[in-house]
């Protein structure tokens, strides 16, 4: 039975829409192309010429459509495999260079940090050295004050307050006192002004501190002047 022209037109439009949806469902990447719909369109024309009542559901049409879609899928798989192979090749070629650049960047960053830290410590050592001279003068002045009157006690209290503020300022730039009494004599941190027997201290142990020493980080600002037990 022949189809009316309008019916054929409706079937044709239905087929085009259905085919577009089916083919669009297999689109994976813009770089992967599918076979044109001309093959299915040709098949539709062939089935129509045979006078089939239900062209879209005829076994021959559906079988051929499946074959075309399988071919499209196979081509898409081949394209994906080729792109994966290219990606692997690019990785193999450039990964060593990327890793080398990452190592170089890490070394440059570490060196820059160390240089900055070292410069900061050198500046702090210069400031601390100058401040310590003033602290020594304060210590000598403080020890010379006799606390016999209320006025003398008030002066001593003020001296101690100033000295404490200066010590806090030293701490803020990283200067810390060197441990002395009770510690084993350290040739790098201690300067022995004399050695003498001292009860309660083992030989080679610092038993008295004359001048306090300081350090900033691993840098020695000045050694501590001490007496070592004999």
Protein backbone atom coordinates (compact mmCIF):
# COMPACT_ATOMS: atom_id res chain seq x y z
CA UNK A 1 0.00 0.00 0.00
CA UNK A 2 1.39 3.39 -1.03
CA UNK A 3 1.77 6.14 1.52
CA UNK A 4 0.28 9.55 1.00
CA UNK A 5 2.88 12.26 0.27
CA UNK A 6 2.09 14.09 3.50
CA UNK A 7 2.48 10.84 5.45
CA UNK A 8 5.81 10.19 3.80
CA UNK A 9 6.89 13.72 4.64
CA UNK A 10 5.91 13.19 8.28
CA UNK A 11 7.81 9.90 8.40
CA UNK A 12 10.82 11.56 6.81
CA UNK A 13 10.82 14.36 9.37
CA UNK A 14 10.37 11.84 12.18
CA UNK A 15 13.31 9.86 10.87
CA UNK A 16 15.52 12.92 10.58
CA UNK A 17 14.75 13.95 14.16
CA UNK A 18 15.17 10.44 15.49
CA UNK A 19 18.40 9.93 13.59
CA UNK A 20 19.73 13.28 14.81
CA UNK A 21 19.05 12.27 18.42
CA UNK A 22 20.63 8.86 17.96
CA UNK A 23 23.72 10.23 16.33
CA UNK A 24 24.03 13.10 18.85
CA UNK A 25 24.02 10.53 21.65
CA UNK A 26 27.33 9.17 20.36
CA UNK A 27 29.13 12.54 20.17
CA UNK A 28 32.09 12.28 22.58
CA UNK A 29 34.53 15.01 21.61
CA UNK A 30 34.70 17.78 19.02
CA UNK A 31 37.83 16.09 17.69
CA UNK A 32 35.93 12.83 16.98
CA UNK A 33 33.84 12.82 13.80
CA UNK A 34 31.10 10.40 12.75
CA UNK A 35 30.12 9.09 9.36
CA UNK A 36 27.58 11.32 7.64
CA UNK A 37 23.93 10.48 7.84
CA UNK A 38 23.89 10.02 4.09
CA UNK A 39 24.18 6.26 4.53
CA UNK A 40 21.04 6.06 6.66
CA UNK A 41 19.27 8.53 4.39
CA UNK A 42 20.14 6.34 1.40
CA UNK A 43 18.88 3.28 3.24
CA UNK A 44 15.63 5.10 3.99
CA UNK A 45 15.25 5.89 0.28
CA UNK A 46 15.92 2.28 -0.67
CA UNK A 47 13.29 1.00 1.76
CA UNK A 48 10.82 3.59 0.55
CA UNK A 49 11.35 2.49 -3.05
CA UNK A 50 10.41 -1.02 -2.02
CA UNK A 51 7.00 0.26 -0.92
CA UNK A 52 7.40 -0.76 2.72
CA UNK A 53 4.54 0.37 4.96
CA UNK A 54 6.74 0.84 8.04
CA UNK A 55 10.16 1.84 6.77
CA UNK A 56 11.60 2.93 10.12
CA UNK A 57 10.80 -0.39 11.79
CA UNK A 58 11.64 -2.73 8.94
CA UNK A 59 14.29 -5.36 9.84
CA UNK A 60 16.58 -4.43 6.96
CA UNK A 61 16.48 -0.74 7.84
CA UNK A 62 17.11 -1.34 11.55
CA UNK A 63 19.90 -3.84 10.86
CA UNK A 64 21.65 -1.46 8.51
CA UNK A 65 21.19 1.41 10.96
CA UNK A 66 22.79 -0.65 13.73
CA UNK A 67 25.72 -1.50 11.43
CA UNK A 68 26.26 2.18 10.64
CA UNK A 69 26.12 3.17 14.30
CA UNK A 70 28.54 0.38 15.22
CA UNK A 71 30.93 1.69 12.58
CA UNK A 72 30.63 5.16 14.05
CA UNK A 73 31.36 3.82 17.54
CA UNK A 74 34.38 1.87 16.29
CA UNK A 75 35.73 4.99 14.61
CA UNK A 76 35.15 6.98 17.79
CA UNK A 77 37.01 4.33 19.82
CA UNK A 78 39.86 4.46 17.32
CA UNK A 79 40.01 8.27 17.57
CA UNK A 80 40.04 8.08 21.37
CA UNK A 81 42.80 5.49 21.34
CA UNK A 82 44.85 7.64 18.97
CA UNK A 83 44.40 10.71 21.21
CA UNK A 84 45.36 8.70 24.30
CA UNK A 85 48.47 7.48 22.51
CA UNK A 86 49.35 11.07 21.60
CA UNK A 87 48.79 12.18 25.19
CA UNK A 88 51.07 9.42 26.48
CA UNK A 89 53.73 10.44 23.97
CA UNK A 90 53.53 14.09 25.03
CA UNK A 91 53.75 13.12 28.71
CA UNK A 92 56.78 10.93 28.07
CA UNK A 93 58.48 13.73 26.17
CA UNK A 94 57.79 16.65 28.50
CA UNK A 95 57.39 15.12 31.98
CA UNK A 96 61.19 15.06 32.68
CA UNK A 97 61.43 18.76 31.74
CA UNK A 98 58.45 19.65 33.93
CA UNK A 99 59.90 17.75 36.89
CA UNK A 100 63.29 19.42 36.38
CA UNK A 101 61.69 22.87 36.32
CA UNK A 102 59.75 22.06 39.50
CA UNK A 103 62.99 21.01 41.25
CA UNK A 104 64.78 24.16 40.08
CA UNK A 105 61.91 26.35 41.27
CA UNK A 106 61.95 24.62 44.65
CA UNK A 107 65.71 25.18 44.99
CA UNK A 108 65.43 28.84 43.99
CA UNK A 109 62.64 29.41 46.50
CA UNK A 110 64.60 27.70 49.29
CA UNK A 111 67.77 29.66 48.45
CA UNK A 112 65.84 32.94 48.38
CA UNK A 113 64.30 32.16 51.77
CA UNK A 114 67.69 31.26 53.27
CA UNK A 115 69.32 34.39 51.88
CA UNK A 116 66.52 36.59 53.23
CA UNK A 117 66.65 34.92 56.64
CA UNK A 118 70.44 35.22 56.74
CA UNK A 119 70.28 38.93 55.87
CA UNK A 120 67.68 39.52 58.59
CA UNK A 121 69.84 37.73 61.17
CA UNK A 122 72.95 39.72 60.20
CA UNK A 123 71.03 42.99 60.62
CA UNK A 124 69.64 41.83 63.97
CA UNK A 125 73.15 40.91 65.18
CA UNK A 126 74.42 44.41 64.36
CA UNK A 127 71.54 46.02 66.29
CA UNK A 128 71.87 43.65 69.23
CA UNK A 129 75.60 44.25 69.50
CA UNK A 130 75.05 47.99 69.77
CA UNK A 131 72.25 47.59 72.31
CA UNK A 132 74.26 45.21 74.50
CA UNK A 133 76.87 47.90 75.10
CA UNK A 134 74.13 50.08 76.60
CA UNK A 135 72.86 47.17 78.69
CA UNK A 136 76.33 46.63 80.12
CA UNK A 137 76.46 50.28 81.13
CA UNK A 138 73.05 49.95 82.77
CA UNK A 139 74.20 46.87 84.67
CA UNK A 140 77.28 48.65 85.96
CA UNK A 141 75.24 51.69 86.97
CA UNK A 142 72.65 49.49 88.66
CA UNK A 143 75.27 47.64 90.67
CA UNK A 144 76.76 50.91 91.88
CA UNK A 145 73.49 52.16 93.35
CA UNK A 146 73.21 51.66 97.10
CA UNK A 147 69.65 51.10 98.19
CA UNK A 148 69.86 52.83 101.60
CA UNK A 149 67.24 55.52 101.08
CA UNK A 150 63.83 55.56 99.48
CA UNK A 151 65.16 57.81 96.72
CA UNK A 152 67.95 55.34 95.91
CA UNK A 153 65.47 52.48 95.87
CA UNK A 154 63.25 54.44 93.47
CA UNK A 155 66.20 55.10 91.15
CA UNK A 156 67.13 51.42 91.18
CA UNK A 157 63.54 50.44 90.35
CA UNK A 158 63.53 52.81 87.39
CA UNK A 159 66.85 51.42 86.14
CA UNK A 160 65.47 47.89 86.38
CA UNK A 161 62.34 48.89 84.46
CA UNK A 162 64.39 50.38 81.61
CA UNK A 163 66.65 47.32 81.56
CA UNK A 164 63.66 45.02 81.31
CA UNK A 165 62.26 46.99 78.37
CA UNK A 166 65.56 46.77 76.54
CA UNK A 167 65.69 43.02 77.20
CA UNK A 168 62.19 42.66 75.74
CA UNK A 169 63.28 44.61 72.65
CA UNK A 170 66.24 42.25 72.23
CA UNK A 171 63.91 39.30 72.42
CA UNK A 172 61.70 40.79 69.71
CA UNK A 173 64.61 40.77 67.23
CA UNK A 174 65.43 37.17 68.15
CA UNK A 175 68.26 37.70 70.63
CA UNK A 176 68.26 35.11 73.42
CA UNK A 177 70.67 34.77 76.38
CA UNK A 178 73.23 31.97 76.32
CA UNK A 179 72.86 29.45 79.12
CA UNK A 180 75.86 29.44 81.42
CA UNK A 181 75.84 28.39 85.09
CA UNK A 182 75.56 24.63 85.42
CA UNK A 183 76.23 24.04 81.74
CA UNK A 184 79.26 22.27 80.36
CA UNK A 185 81.78 24.79 79.03
CA UNK A 186 81.17 25.43 75.32
CA UNK A 187 84.14 26.88 73.41
CA UNK A 188 81.79 28.40 70.82
CA UNK A 189 79.37 30.09 73.24
CA UNK A 190 81.46 30.71 76.38
CA UNK A 191 84.58 32.72 77.04
CA UNK A 192 86.46 31.59 80.15
CA UNK A 193 88.03 34.42 82.08
CA UNK A 194 89.39 32.11 84.77
CA UNK A 195 89.19 28.61 86.17
CA UNK A 196 88.87 27.82 89.83
CA UNK A 197 87.65 25.07 92.17
CA UNK A 198 84.02 25.52 93.07
CA UNK A 199 82.05 23.35 95.47
CA UNK A 200 79.03 21.71 93.91
CA UNK A 201 80.34 21.99 90.33
CA UNK A 202 82.14 19.35 88.32
CA UNK A 203 85.34 20.16 86.51
CA UNK A 204 84.69 21.79 83.15
CA UNK A 205 81.32 23.15 84.22
CA UNK A 206 80.46 26.85 84.21
CA UNK A 207 80.12 27.97 87.82
CA UNK A 208 79.82 31.76 87.49
CA UNK A 209 78.73 34.29 84.84
CA UNK A 210 80.42 37.65 84.60
CA UNK A 211 78.97 39.00 81.35
CA UNK A 212 75.83 37.60 79.76
CA UNK A 213 76.17 36.35 76.20
CA UNK A 214 73.55 36.38 73.44
CA UNK A 215 72.83 34.63 70.17
CA UNK A 216 70.34 35.10 67.33
CA UNK A 217 69.39 31.87 65.66
CA UNK A 218 72.68 30.07 65.07
CA UNK A 219 74.65 33.33 65.03
CA UNK A 220 76.64 34.35 68.06
CA UNK A 221 76.14 37.99 69.03
CA UNK A 222 78.75 37.78 71.75
CA UNK A 223 80.02 34.95 73.96
CA UNK A 224 79.21 34.79 77.63
CA UNK A 225 82.16 35.56 79.89
CA UNK A 226 82.26 32.89 82.59
CA UNK A 227 84.25 31.17 85.30
CA UNK A 228 84.85 27.45 84.82
CA UNK A 229 85.09 24.99 87.69
CA UNK A 230 88.47 23.28 88.02
